[in-house]
Each structure stands twice: as structure tokens, then as C-alpha cells.
Protein backbone atom coordinates (compact mmCIF):
# COMPACT_ATOMS: atom_id res chain seq x y z
CA MET A 1 11.89 4.62 9.39
CA LYS A 2 13.46 1.51 8.10
CA ILE A 3 17.00 1.24 6.20
CA LEU A 4 16.54 -0.88 2.86
CA ASP A 5 20.13 -0.87 1.32
CA ALA A 6 23.73 0.85 1.98
CA LYS A 7 25.73 1.37 -0.61
CA ASP A 8 29.42 2.72 -0.38
CA ARG A 9 31.24 4.61 -3.18
CA ARG A 10 34.25 7.06 -2.85
CA GLY A 11 34.09 8.23 1.02
CA MET A 12 30.50 8.76 0.69
CA ARG A 13 28.03 6.10 2.72
CA SER A 14 24.49 6.23 1.15
CA LEU A 15 22.01 4.57 3.57
CA ILE A 16 18.16 3.82 1.37
CA CYS A 17 15.63 3.81 3.32
CA ASP A 18 11.44 3.42 3.42
CA GLY A 19 10.85 7.43 4.57
CA GLY A 20 12.24 10.46 3.30
CA ARG A 21 11.71 13.85 1.69
CA THR A 22 9.09 12.95 -0.97
CA LEU A 23 6.87 11.53 1.94
CA HIS A 24 6.90 13.02 4.93
CA ALA A 25 9.81 15.15 5.55
CA LEU A 26 9.79 17.98 3.23
CA VAL A 27 11.08 20.18 5.79
CA SER A 28 14.64 18.68 5.73
CA THR A 29 15.24 20.92 2.89
CA TRP A 30 15.77 23.94 5.78
CA GLU A 31 15.63 22.35 8.68
CA ARG A 32 18.22 20.16 10.96
CA HIS A 33 16.79 17.22 12.64
CA ARG A 34 18.80 15.00 15.29
CA LEU A 35 18.80 11.28 13.24
CA PHE A 36 19.68 8.23 15.95
CA SER A 37 19.47 4.59 15.44
CA VAL A 38 17.47 1.77 16.48
CA PRO A 39 19.76 -0.58 17.85
CA ASP A 40 22.06 1.85 18.55
CA ARG A 41 25.15 1.42 16.23
CA PRO A 42 28.57 2.76 17.92
CA GLY A 43 31.77 3.41 16.59
CA ALA A 44 33.62 4.91 13.72
CA THR A 45 31.29 6.96 11.77
CA GLN A 46 31.09 8.14 7.86
CA LEU A 47 29.72 10.43 6.39
CA THR A 48 26.46 9.65 5.43
CA THR A 49 23.59 10.61 3.00
CA VAL A 50 20.34 9.22 3.95
CA HIS A 51 17.86 8.35 0.58
CA GLY A 52 13.99 7.98 0.81
CA PRO A 53 12.47 5.49 -1.50
CA THR A 54 11.97 7.63 -4.52
CA CYS A 55 14.34 7.21 -7.65
CA MET A 56 14.31 11.61 -7.29
CA ALA A 57 17.72 13.45 -6.69
CA PHE A 58 15.24 15.51 -4.34
CA ASP A 59 14.44 12.56 -2.00
CA GLN A 60 17.49 13.15 0.52
CA LEU A 61 16.54 13.35 4.25
CA ALA A 62 20.02 14.07 5.90
CA ARG A 63 23.82 14.35 4.83
CA CYS A 64 25.82 13.66 8.42
CA GLU A 65 28.06 11.50 9.54
CA LEU A 66 26.48 8.77 11.24
CA PRO A 67 27.83 4.82 12.38
CA HIS A 68 29.28 2.71 9.84
CA ALA A 69 27.89 -0.13 11.62
CA LEU A 70 24.32 1.12 10.35
CA ARG A 71 22.86 -2.18 7.91
CA PRO A 72 19.97 -2.44 6.07
CA GLY A 73 17.28 -3.70 8.53
CA ASP A 74 17.89 -1.02 11.33
CA HIS A 75 16.01 1.79 12.06
CA LEU A 76 16.56 5.28 11.73
CA VAL A 77 14.63 7.93 13.95
CA TRP A 78 14.40 11.82 12.29
CA MET A 79 13.30 13.53 16.08
CA ASP A 80 10.91 16.41 16.22
CA ALA A 81 9.33 15.77 13.28
CA GLY A 82 6.05 18.02 14.42
CA ALA A 83 2.12 17.25 12.76
CA TYR A 84 3.39 19.84 10.18
CA HIS A 85 4.56 17.27 7.60
CA LEU A 86 1.20 15.22 7.15
CA PRO A 87 -0.18 17.97 4.78
CA TRP A 88 2.86 17.07 2.16
CA GLU A 89 2.36 13.43 2.45
CA THR A 90 2.47 11.38 -0.30
CA LYS A 91 1.74 7.43 -1.37
CA PHE A 92 4.64 7.59 -4.33
CA SER A 93 6.27 4.47 -3.48
CA HIS A 94 4.39 3.00 -0.49
CA GLY A 95 1.33 3.24 1.37
CA LEU A 96 1.03 5.91 4.30
CA ALA A 97 4.13 6.08 7.19
CA ALA A 98 3.44 5.40 10.73
CA ILE A 99 3.79 8.66 13.00
CA LEU A 100 4.79 8.15 16.30
CA TRP A 101 4.29 10.55 19.01
CA HIS A 102 7.59 11.09 22.14
CA ASP A 103 5.47 12.58 25.02
CA GLY A 104 9.36 12.72 26.92
CA ARG A 105 8.65 9.73 29.01
CA ARG A 106 7.51 6.92 26.27
CA VAL A 107 6.87 6.70 22.45
CA THR A 108 3.32 5.50 21.19
CA VAL A 109 2.06 4.70 17.73
CA ALA A 110 -0.39 7.73 16.50
CA ARG A 111 -0.74 6.05 13.39
CA PRO A 112 0.35 2.60 11.98
CA SER A 113 2.04 2.02 8.84
CA GLN A 114 0.03 1.53 5.98
CA THR A 115 0.98 -1.59 3.87
CA PHE A 116 1.21 -1.78 -0.18
CA ARG A 117 -1.45 -4.50 0.12
CA GLU A 118 -3.48 -2.17 2.04
CA TRP A 119 -2.85 1.17 -0.40
CA PHE A 120 -3.21 -1.05 -3.27
CA GLY A 121 -6.65 -2.53 -1.95
CA GLN A 122 -7.79 1.24 -2.45
CA LEU A 123 -7.55 1.34 -6.38
């Protein structure tokens, strides 16, 4: 998912992303998944909450230590999502999210993301 905005308040950093719990990661409610950034941003970390694009407080993907150097335009990879998230997908804020497959050696695109224009054209 792409980081759209970053906000710093009272010792907590919030990253607002184009993917989140209400789009395809409902299992983040009871499972913890490894997150890493692309590009890799080494350096000091800070307690960070990763939010999805909706206005709902429920759309929180993770709360963990992440590099403070992360910025809008960077990407976060939520590992080991599996295919079980697909039935819970919603187009609330965007079209369908991209689905990537990692076979242990390489990453391939199983389904490209759907742009808003593609989604809106279906109405």
C-alpha cells in the first residue's frame, strides 16, 4: 500500500495509506503481520499507527515501531495476507487493490489495482 500522508502528534506518528483493514485486511483485527517499507528506510523508529483511507477509526492496519524516515510516496508491504482477504474487500474509497504473489523468490502481480476512473466507469 502507498503512504498518502504522515502526521506527527504527541509521540505518535500516523501514516494514512491507500490500503487498510476496511479494504482487504480485516484479519489485522486478530493477527499480526510483518510490515516493511519500499524503499527500505533505516534509522530511528517511532511508535506508528498505520491507517487505511477511510474516515473510520476501525480502519487501522497496525500499530508498531516503524522508521520515522517513512514519507508519503513510500510503500508498505503487509506480509502473508493470503487469499482469505478477498471476500472482505470493499470499494469504499478506491477500486480493487492490487494483489501480489510472493513465491519465496520473486513477486508477481496476480491482479493489478483498479483505478478510481475504472471503478467509476462501471456505475
